[in-house]
Amino acid sequence: MDQYQRSQIDQLLFQVLRTIFHYERSIEKSYGLDFGQIYILQFLRRHPDARLTEIALEMDLPKFAISRMLNQLVEEGLIAKKQDTVDHRNYHIRLQEKGEQILKAIEEVSYNRISTNIQGLPPSAINELVDVAEQLHMVLGVSEKIKNQ
């Protein structure tokens, strides 16, 4: 790490954030969903019938913020929200077919974009990209947040 100066690391982090920001914006323009909404849909695909509380914990956001995001997704027909029969303060959330279709479309566009853009790179560079992607959570210090994924 001694070979990298603080300014280089700061610039690298900004470049990563900038790249993700602009990628997110392109998805938002195409599908009308922001990063948080897409994350909720992905989470629900992996955790069918999740509760609002679970989503709030996963995203480390207050329940009122998650509730607002969920209501928007319900209005769009992407998810269904059902009140818990035991604890009426909580809701079970399910991904609807329309939400699954949008996720598949986003994944297809992303796959095609990445596949096209890595053409011509040597296999070693592609392997390095995969390694970086797999270790990014550790480098950024958020491993604890994603340990169960």
N, C-alpha and C. Protein backbone atom coordinates (compact mmCIF):
# COMPACT_ATOMS: atom_id res chain seq x y z
N MET A 1 0.82 -1.19 0.00
CA MET A 1 0.00 0.00 0.00
C MET A 1 0.86 1.26 0.00
N ASP A 2 2.11 1.11 0.43
CA ASP A 2 3.02 2.25 0.47
C ASP A 2 3.24 2.86 -0.91
N GLN A 3 3.03 2.04 -1.96
CA GLN A 3 3.28 2.54 -3.31
C GLN A 3 2.19 3.50 -3.79
N TYR A 4 1.07 3.52 -3.11
CA TYR A 4 -0.02 4.40 -3.50
C TYR A 4 -0.14 5.55 -2.51
N GLN A 5 -0.18 6.74 -3.03
CA GLN A 5 -0.34 7.90 -2.17
C GLN A 5 -1.82 8.13 -1.90
N ARG A 6 -2.07 8.85 -0.84
CA ARG A 6 -3.44 9.15 -0.45
C ARG A 6 -4.21 9.77 -1.61
N SER A 7 -3.61 10.69 -2.33
CA SER A 7 -4.31 11.35 -3.43
C SER A 7 -4.69 10.35 -4.54
N GLN A 8 -3.83 9.34 -4.76
CA GLN A 8 -4.14 8.33 -5.77
C GLN A 8 -5.34 7.48 -5.34
N ILE A 9 -5.38 7.12 -4.08
CA ILE A 9 -6.49 6.32 -3.56
C ILE A 9 -7.78 7.14 -3.59
N ASP A 10 -7.70 8.41 -3.19
CA ASP A 10 -8.88 9.28 -3.24
C ASP A 10 -9.40 9.40 -4.68
N GLN A 11 -8.51 9.56 -5.62
CA GLN A 11 -8.90 9.68 -7.03
C GLN A 11 -9.50 8.37 -7.54
N LEU A 12 -8.93 7.25 -7.14
CA LEU A 12 -9.44 5.94 -7.55
C LEU A 12 -10.85 5.73 -7.01
N LEU A 13 -11.06 6.05 -5.74
CA LEU A 13 -12.38 5.90 -5.15
C LEU A 13 -13.39 6.79 -5.87
N PHE A 14 -13.00 8.04 -6.15
CA PHE A 14 -13.91 8.93 -6.87
C PHE A 14 -14.24 8.34 -8.24
N GLN A 15 -13.27 7.77 -8.92
CA GLN A 15 -13.51 7.18 -10.24
C GLN A 15 -14.51 6.02 -10.15
N VAL A 16 -14.38 5.19 -9.11
CA VAL A 16 -15.32 4.09 -8.91
C VAL A 16 -16.72 4.65 -8.65
N LEU A 17 -16.82 5.62 -7.75
CA LEU A 17 -18.12 6.22 -7.43
C LEU A 17 -18.74 6.89 -8.66
N ARG A 18 -17.92 7.60 -9.39
CA ARG A 18 -18.39 8.29 -10.60
C ARG A 18 -18.91 7.28 -11.63
N THR A 19 -18.18 6.20 -11.81
CA THR A 19 -18.58 5.17 -12.76
C THR A 19 -19.92 4.54 -12.36
N ILE A 20 -20.04 4.18 -11.09
CA ILE A 20 -21.28 3.57 -10.62
C ILE A 20 -22.43 4.57 -10.71
N PHE A 21 -22.18 5.82 -10.37
CA PHE A 21 -23.21 6.85 -10.45
C PHE A 21 -23.75 6.98 -11.87
N HIS A 22 -22.86 7.07 -12.84
CA HIS A 22 -23.30 7.25 -14.23
C HIS A 22 -23.95 5.99 -14.79
N TYR A 23 -23.49 4.84 -14.36
CA TYR A 23 -24.16 3.59 -14.76
C TYR A 23 -25.58 3.59 -14.19
N GLU A 24 -25.70 3.92 -12.92
CA GLU A 24 -27.01 3.97 -12.27
C GLU A 24 -27.93 4.94 -12.99
N ARG A 25 -27.42 6.10 -13.35
CA ARG A 25 -28.23 7.10 -14.05
C ARG A 25 -28.73 6.56 -15.39
N SER A 26 -27.91 5.81 -16.10
CA SER A 26 -28.34 5.26 -17.39
C SER A 26 -29.46 4.24 -17.20
N ILE A 27 -29.39 3.46 -16.14
CA ILE A 27 -30.45 2.49 -15.83
C ILE A 27 -31.72 3.24 -15.43
N GLU A 28 -31.57 4.27 -14.61
CA GLU A 28 -32.73 5.05 -14.17
C GLU A 28 -33.45 5.68 -15.36
N LYS A 29 -32.68 6.21 -16.29
CA LYS A 29 -33.29 6.82 -17.48
C LYS A 29 -34.04 5.80 -18.31
N SER A 30 -33.50 4.60 -18.41
CA SER A 30 -34.12 3.57 -19.24
C SER A 30 -35.32 2.90 -18.59
N TYR A 31 -35.28 2.73 -17.28
CA TYR A 31 -36.31 1.94 -16.60
C TYR A 31 -37.11 2.71 -15.55
N GLY A 32 -36.69 3.92 -15.26
CA GLY A 32 -37.43 4.73 -14.29
C GLY A 32 -37.26 4.27 -12.85
N LEU A 33 -36.23 3.49 -12.59
CA LEU A 33 -35.97 3.00 -11.24
C LEU A 33 -34.62 3.51 -10.77
N ASP A 34 -34.56 3.93 -9.50
CA ASP A 34 -33.27 4.34 -8.97
C ASP A 34 -32.55 3.12 -8.37
N PHE A 35 -31.32 3.34 -7.96
CA PHE A 35 -30.49 2.25 -7.46
C PHE A 35 -31.14 1.54 -6.27
N GLY A 36 -31.72 2.31 -5.35
CA GLY A 36 -32.37 1.73 -4.18
C GLY A 36 -33.53 0.83 -4.56
N GLN A 37 -34.32 1.26 -5.52
CA GLN A 37 -35.46 0.46 -5.96
C GLN A 37 -34.99 -0.83 -6.63
N ILE A 38 -33.98 -0.73 -7.46
CA ILE A 38 -33.43 -1.92 -8.10
C ILE A 38 -32.87 -2.87 -7.04
N TYR A 39 -32.22 -2.31 -6.04
CA TYR A 39 -31.67 -3.14 -4.96
C TYR A 39 -32.79 -3.87 -4.23
N ILE A 40 -33.88 -3.19 -3.96
CA ILE A 40 -35.02 -3.84 -3.29
C ILE A 40 -35.55 -4.98 -4.14
N LEU A 41 -35.71 -4.76 -5.43
CA LEU A 41 -36.19 -5.83 -6.31
C LEU A 41 -35.24 -7.02 -6.30
N GLN A 42 -33.94 -6.75 -6.36
CA GLN A 42 -32.95 -7.83 -6.32
C GLN A 42 -33.01 -8.57 -4.98
N PHE A 43 -33.15 -7.81 -3.89
CA PHE A 43 -33.24 -8.42 -2.56
C PHE A 43 -34.47 -9.32 -2.46
N LEU A 44 -35.60 -8.84 -2.99
CA LEU A 44 -36.83 -9.63 -2.92
C LEU A 44 -36.74 -10.89 -3.77
N ARG A 45 -36.01 -10.83 -4.85
CA ARG A 45 -35.81 -12.03 -5.66
C ARG A 45 -35.09 -13.09 -4.83
N ARG A 46 -34.15 -12.67 -4.02
CA ARG A 46 -33.35 -13.59 -3.22
C ARG A 46 -34.00 -13.92 -1.87
N HIS A 47 -34.94 -13.09 -1.45
CA HIS A 47 -35.62 -13.28 -0.16
C HIS A 47 -37.12 -13.10 -0.36
N PRO A 48 -37.76 -14.09 -1.00
CA PRO A 48 -39.20 -13.98 -1.24
C PRO A 48 -39.97 -13.81 0.08
N ASP A 49 -40.97 -13.01 0.03
CA ASP A 49 -41.84 -12.77 1.19
C ASP A 49 -41.09 -12.11 2.34
N ALA A 50 -40.15 -11.23 2.00
CA ALA A 50 -39.41 -10.50 3.04
C ALA A 50 -40.34 -9.51 3.73
N ARG A 51 -39.97 -9.15 4.93
CA ARG A 51 -40.73 -8.14 5.67
C ARG A 51 -40.08 -6.78 5.49
N LEU A 52 -40.86 -5.75 5.65
CA LEU A 52 -40.37 -4.38 5.56
C LEU A 52 -39.17 -4.19 6.48
N THR A 53 -39.25 -4.72 7.68
CA THR A 53 -38.16 -4.58 8.65
C THR A 53 -36.87 -5.20 8.13
N GLU A 54 -36.96 -6.35 7.49
CA GLU A 54 -35.77 -7.01 6.94
C GLU A 54 -35.12 -6.17 5.85
N ILE A 55 -35.96 -5.58 5.02
CA ILE A 55 -35.43 -4.74 3.94
C ILE A 55 -34.75 -3.50 4.53
N ALA A 56 -35.38 -2.90 5.53
CA ALA A 56 -34.79 -1.73 6.18
C ALA A 56 -33.44 -2.06 6.82
N LEU A 57 -33.35 -3.21 7.47
CA LEU A 57 -32.08 -3.64 8.06
C LEU A 57 -31.03 -3.90 6.99
N GLU A 58 -31.42 -4.57 5.92
CA GLU A 58 -30.49 -4.87 4.83
C GLU A 58 -29.92 -3.61 4.22
N MET A 59 -30.78 -2.61 4.02
CA MET A 59 -30.35 -1.39 3.34
C MET A 59 -29.84 -0.32 4.31
N ASP A 60 -29.96 -0.61 5.61
CA ASP A 60 -29.51 0.32 6.64
C ASP A 60 -30.17 1.69 6.46
N LEU A 61 -31.48 1.65 6.25
CA LEU A 61 -32.29 2.86 6.10
C LEU A 61 -33.47 2.80 7.06
N PRO A 62 -33.99 3.94 7.45
CA PRO A 62 -35.15 3.94 8.35
C PRO A 62 -36.38 3.34 7.66
N LYS A 63 -37.25 2.76 8.47
CA LYS A 63 -38.45 2.11 7.93
C LYS A 63 -39.29 3.07 7.10
N PHE A 64 -39.40 4.33 7.51
CA PHE A 64 -40.23 5.26 6.75
C PHE A 64 -39.68 5.48 5.34
N ALA A 65 -38.37 5.47 5.20
CA ALA A 65 -37.76 5.64 3.86
C ALA A 65 -38.03 4.41 3.00
N ILE A 66 -37.90 3.23 3.60
CA ILE A 66 -38.17 1.99 2.87
C ILE A 66 -39.65 1.91 2.52
N SER A 67 -40.50 2.29 3.44
CA SER A 67 -41.94 2.27 3.18
C SER A 67 -42.30 3.14 1.98
N ARG A 68 -41.70 4.28 1.89
CA ARG A 68 -41.95 5.19 0.76
C ARG A 68 -41.48 4.54 -0.55
N MET A 69 -40.30 3.93 -0.53
CA MET A 69 -39.78 3.26 -1.73
C MET A 69 -40.69 2.09 -2.12
N LEU A 70 -41.13 1.33 -1.13
CA LEU A 70 -42.00 0.19 -1.40
C LEU A 70 -43.32 0.64 -1.99
N ASN A 71 -43.88 1.71 -1.46
CA ASN A 71 -45.15 2.21 -1.98
C ASN A 71 -45.03 2.60 -3.45
N GLN A 72 -43.91 3.19 -3.83
CA GLN A 72 -43.70 3.53 -5.24
C GLN A 72 -43.64 2.28 -6.10
N LEU A 73 -42.96 1.25 -5.59
CA LEU A 73 -42.86 0.00 -6.34
C LEU A 73 -44.21 -0.72 -6.43
N VAL A 74 -45.03 -0.60 -5.38
CA VAL A 74 -46.38 -1.17 -5.42
C VAL A 74 -47.20 -0.44 -6.48
N GLU A 75 -47.12 0.89 -6.49
CA GLU A 75 -47.87 1.68 -7.47
C GLU A 75 -47.49 1.32 -8.91
N GLU A 76 -46.24 0.95 -9.11
CA GLU A 76 -45.77 0.56 -10.45
C GLU A 76 -46.12 -0.89 -10.77
N GLY A 77 -46.64 -1.63 -9.80
CA GLY A 77 -47.00 -3.02 -10.02
C GLY A 77 -45.81 -3.97 -10.01
N LEU A 78 -44.69 -3.52 -9.43
CA LEU A 78 -43.48 -4.33 -9.42
C LEU A 78 -43.40 -5.26 -8.22
N ILE A 79 -44.06 -4.88 -7.13
CA ILE A 79 -44.08 -5.70 -5.92
C ILE A 79 -45.50 -5.69 -5.36
N ALA A 80 -45.77 -6.63 -4.45
CA ALA A 80 -47.02 -6.67 -3.71
C ALA A 80 -46.68 -6.57 -2.23
N LYS A 81 -47.52 -5.88 -1.50
CA LYS A 81 -47.30 -5.66 -0.07
C LYS A 81 -48.53 -6.18 0.66
N LYS A 82 -48.31 -7.09 1.61
CA LYS A 82 -49.42 -7.68 2.36
C LYS A 82 -49.17 -7.50 3.85
N GLN A 83 -50.17 -7.03 4.55
CA GLN A 83 -50.03 -6.79 5.98
C GLN A 83 -49.87 -8.11 6.72
N ASP A 84 -48.96 -8.14 7.68
CA ASP A 84 -48.71 -9.31 8.52
C ASP A 84 -49.95 -9.58 9.37
N THR A 85 -50.39 -10.83 9.41
CA THR A 85 -51.60 -11.16 10.16
C THR A 85 -51.40 -11.13 11.67
N VAL A 86 -50.17 -11.31 12.12
CA VAL A 86 -49.87 -11.29 13.55
C VAL A 86 -49.49 -9.90 14.02
N ASP A 87 -48.53 -9.29 13.32
CA ASP A 87 -48.06 -7.95 13.66
C ASP A 87 -48.53 -6.99 12.57
N HIS A 88 -49.64 -6.33 12.84
CA HIS A 88 -50.26 -5.47 11.84
C HIS A 88 -49.41 -4.25 11.48
N ARG A 89 -48.34 -4.02 12.23
CA ARG A 89 -47.44 -2.91 11.89
C ARG A 89 -46.46 -3.29 10.80
N ASN A 90 -46.36 -4.57 10.51
CA ASN A 90 -45.37 -5.02 9.53
C ASN A 90 -46.05 -5.57 8.29
N TYR A 91 -45.28 -5.63 7.21
CA TYR A 91 -45.79 -6.10 5.93
C TYR A 91 -44.83 -7.13 5.34
N HIS A 92 -45.40 -8.07 4.60
CA HIS A 92 -44.62 -9.01 3.80
C HIS A 92 -44.60 -8.48 2.38
N ILE A 93 -43.45 -8.51 1.77
CA ILE A 93 -43.27 -7.93 0.45
C ILE A 93 -42.87 -9.03 -0.52
N ARG A 94 -43.51 -9.05 -1.69
CA ARG A 94 -43.20 -10.05 -2.71
C ARG A 94 -42.96 -9.38 -4.05
N LEU A 95 -42.03 -9.92 -4.78
CA LEU A 95 -41.74 -9.48 -6.13
C LEU A 95 -42.86 -9.97 -7.04
N GLN A 96 -43.41 -9.08 -7.85
CA GLN A 96 -44.43 -9.44 -8.82
C GLN A 96 -43.78 -9.78 -10.16
N GLU A 97 -44.53 -10.37 -11.06
CA GLU A 97 -44.01 -10.76 -12.37
C GLU A 97 -43.43 -9.56 -13.12
N LYS A 98 -44.10 -8.43 -13.05
CA LYS A 98 -43.60 -7.23 -13.74
C LYS A 98 -42.23 -6.81 -13.18
N GLY A 99 -42.05 -6.93 -11.88
CA GLY A 99 -40.76 -6.62 -11.26
C GLY A 99 -39.68 -7.58 -11.71
N GLU A 100 -40.03 -8.86 -11.81
CA GLU A 100 -39.08 -9.87 -12.29
C GLU A 100 -38.70 -9.59 -13.75
N GLN A 101 -39.65 -9.19 -14.55
CA GLN A 101 -39.37 -8.88 -15.96
C GLN A 101 -38.42 -7.70 -16.09
N ILE A 102 -38.62 -6.68 -15.27
CA ILE A 102 -37.73 -5.52 -15.32
C ILE A 102 -36.32 -5.92 -14.88
N LEU A 103 -36.21 -6.73 -13.83
CA LEU A 103 -34.89 -7.19 -13.40
C LEU A 103 -34.19 -7.96 -14.52
N LYS A 104 -34.92 -8.83 -15.18
CA LYS A 104 -34.33 -9.60 -16.28
C LYS A 104 -33.88 -8.67 -17.40
N ALA A 105 -34.67 -7.65 -17.70
CA ALA A 105 -34.29 -6.71 -18.76
C ALA A 105 -33.04 -5.93 -18.38
N ILE A 106 -32.97 -5.48 -17.13
CA ILE A 106 -31.78 -4.75 -16.65
C ILE A 106 -30.55 -5.65 -16.71
N GLU A 107 -30.72 -6.88 -16.27
CA GLU A 107 -29.59 -7.82 -16.29
C GLU A 107 -29.13 -8.11 -17.72
N GLU A 108 -30.08 -8.24 -18.63
CA GLU A 108 -29.73 -8.50 -20.04
C GLU A 108 -28.96 -7.32 -20.63
N VAL A 109 -29.43 -6.12 -20.39
CA VAL A 109 -28.75 -4.92 -20.89
C VAL A 109 -27.35 -4.84 -20.28
N SER A 110 -27.25 -5.07 -18.98
CA SER A 110 -25.95 -5.01 -18.30
C SER A 110 -25.00 -6.07 -18.82
N TYR A 111 -25.51 -7.29 -18.99
CA TYR A 111 -24.68 -8.38 -19.51
C TYR A 111 -24.16 -8.03 -20.91
N ASN A 112 -25.06 -7.56 -21.75
CA ASN A 112 -24.65 -7.21 -23.12
C ASN A 112 -23.65 -6.06 -23.13
N ARG A 113 -23.87 -5.08 -22.29
CA ARG A 113 -22.95 -3.94 -22.21
C ARG A 113 -21.56 -4.40 -21.78
N ILE A 114 -21.52 -5.20 -20.72
CA ILE A 114 -20.23 -5.67 -20.21
C ILE A 114 -19.55 -6.58 -21.23
N SER A 115 -20.32 -7.52 -21.78
CA SER A 115 -19.75 -8.45 -22.77
C SER A 115 -19.15 -7.70 -23.96
N THR A 116 -19.86 -6.71 -24.44
CA THR A 116 -19.37 -5.92 -25.57
C THR A 116 -18.12 -5.14 -25.19
N ASN A 117 -18.14 -4.54 -24.01
CA ASN A 117 -17.05 -3.65 -23.62
C ASN A 117 -15.77 -4.37 -23.20
N ILE A 118 -15.86 -5.65 -22.88
CA ILE A 118 -14.62 -6.36 -22.52
C ILE A 118 -14.02 -7.12 -23.70
N GLN A 119 -14.73 -7.11 -24.83
CA GLN A 119 -14.17 -7.75 -26.02
C GLN A 119 -12.84 -7.08 -26.35
N GLY A 120 -11.89 -7.89 -26.66
CA GLY A 120 -10.59 -7.35 -27.01
C GLY A 120 -9.64 -7.27 -25.82
N LEU A 121 -10.18 -7.36 -24.61
CA LEU A 121 -9.29 -7.39 -23.45
C LEU A 121 -8.67 -8.77 -23.34
N PRO A 122 -7.42 -8.83 -22.93
CA PRO A 122 -6.82 -10.17 -22.74
C PRO A 122 -7.50 -10.88 -21.57
N PRO A 123 -7.54 -12.20 -21.60
CA PRO A 123 -8.16 -12.97 -20.52
C PRO A 123 -7.63 -12.60 -19.13
N SER A 124 -6.35 -12.27 -19.04
CA SER A 124 -5.78 -11.91 -17.73
C SER A 124 -6.43 -10.63 -17.20
N ALA A 125 -6.71 -9.67 -18.07
CA ALA A 125 -7.36 -8.43 -17.64
C ALA A 125 -8.80 -8.69 -17.19
N ILE A 126 -9.48 -9.57 -17.91
CA ILE A 126 -10.85 -9.93 -17.52
C ILE A 126 -10.84 -10.62 -16.16
N ASN A 127 -9.90 -11.54 -15.96
CA ASN A 127 -9.78 -12.22 -14.67
C ASN A 127 -9.48 -11.24 -13.55
N GLU A 128 -8.66 -10.24 -13.82
CA GLU A 128 -8.36 -9.21 -12.81
C GLU A 128 -9.61 -8.41 -12.47
N LEU A 129 -10.41 -8.06 -13.47
CA LEU A 129 -11.67 -7.34 -13.22
C LEU A 129 -12.60 -8.16 -12.33
N VAL A 130 -12.71 -9.44 -12.63
CA VAL A 130 -13.55 -10.33 -11.83
C VAL A 130 -13.03 -10.40 -10.40
N ASP A 131 -11.73 -10.53 -10.24
CA ASP A 131 -11.13 -10.58 -8.91
C ASP A 131 -11.40 -9.30 -8.12
N VAL A 132 -11.25 -8.17 -8.77
CA VAL A 132 -11.51 -6.88 -8.11
C VAL A 132 -12.97 -6.81 -7.69
N ALA A 133 -13.88 -7.18 -8.59
CA ALA A 133 -15.31 -7.13 -8.26
C ALA A 133 -15.63 -8.04 -7.07
N GLU A 134 -15.01 -9.21 -7.03
CA GLU A 134 -15.26 -10.15 -5.94
C GLU A 134 -14.70 -9.67 -4.60
N GLN A 135 -13.67 -8.85 -4.63
CA GLN A 135 -13.02 -8.39 -3.41
C GLN A 135 -13.37 -6.95 -3.02
N LEU A 136 -14.14 -6.27 -3.83
CA LEU A 136 -14.43 -4.86 -3.57
C LEU A 136 -15.05 -4.63 -2.20
N HIS A 137 -15.94 -5.52 -1.77
CA HIS A 137 -16.56 -5.37 -0.45
C HIS A 137 -15.51 -5.35 0.66
N MET A 138 -14.48 -6.16 0.51
CA MET A 138 -13.42 -6.21 1.51
C MET A 138 -12.58 -4.92 1.48
N VAL A 139 -12.22 -4.50 0.28
CA VAL A 139 -11.39 -3.30 0.12
C VAL A 139 -12.10 -2.07 0.67
N LEU A 140 -13.41 -1.98 0.44
CA LEU A 140 -14.16 -0.82 0.92
C LEU A 140 -14.65 -0.97 2.35
N GLY A 141 -14.39 -2.12 2.96
CA GLY A 141 -14.73 -2.29 4.38
C GLY A 141 -16.20 -2.49 4.65
N VAL A 142 -16.92 -3.12 3.73
CA VAL A 142 -18.34 -3.37 3.96
C VAL A 142 -18.66 -4.87 3.96
N SER A 143 -17.66 -5.68 4.20
CA SER A 143 -17.86 -7.14 4.18
C SER A 143 -18.93 -7.59 5.16
N GLU A 144 -18.97 -6.97 6.32
CA GLU A 144 -19.96 -7.35 7.33
C GLU A 144 -21.39 -7.16 6.84
N LYS A 145 -21.61 -6.13 6.02
CA LYS A 145 -22.95 -5.84 5.50
C LYS A 145 -23.40 -6.86 4.47
N ILE A 146 -22.46 -7.48 3.77
CA ILE A 146 -22.85 -8.39 2.69
C ILE A 146 -22.42 -9.82 2.92
N LYS A 147 -22.05 -10.17 4.12
CA LYS A 147 -21.49 -11.49 4.40
C LYS A 147 -22.42 -12.64 4.05
N ASN A 148 -23.72 -12.45 4.12
CA ASN A 148 -24.66 -13.55 3.88
C ASN A 148 -25.14 -13.62 2.44
N GLN A 149 -24.61 -12.82 1.58
CA GLN A 149 -25.14 -12.79 0.20
C GLN A 149 -24.39 -13.73 -0.64
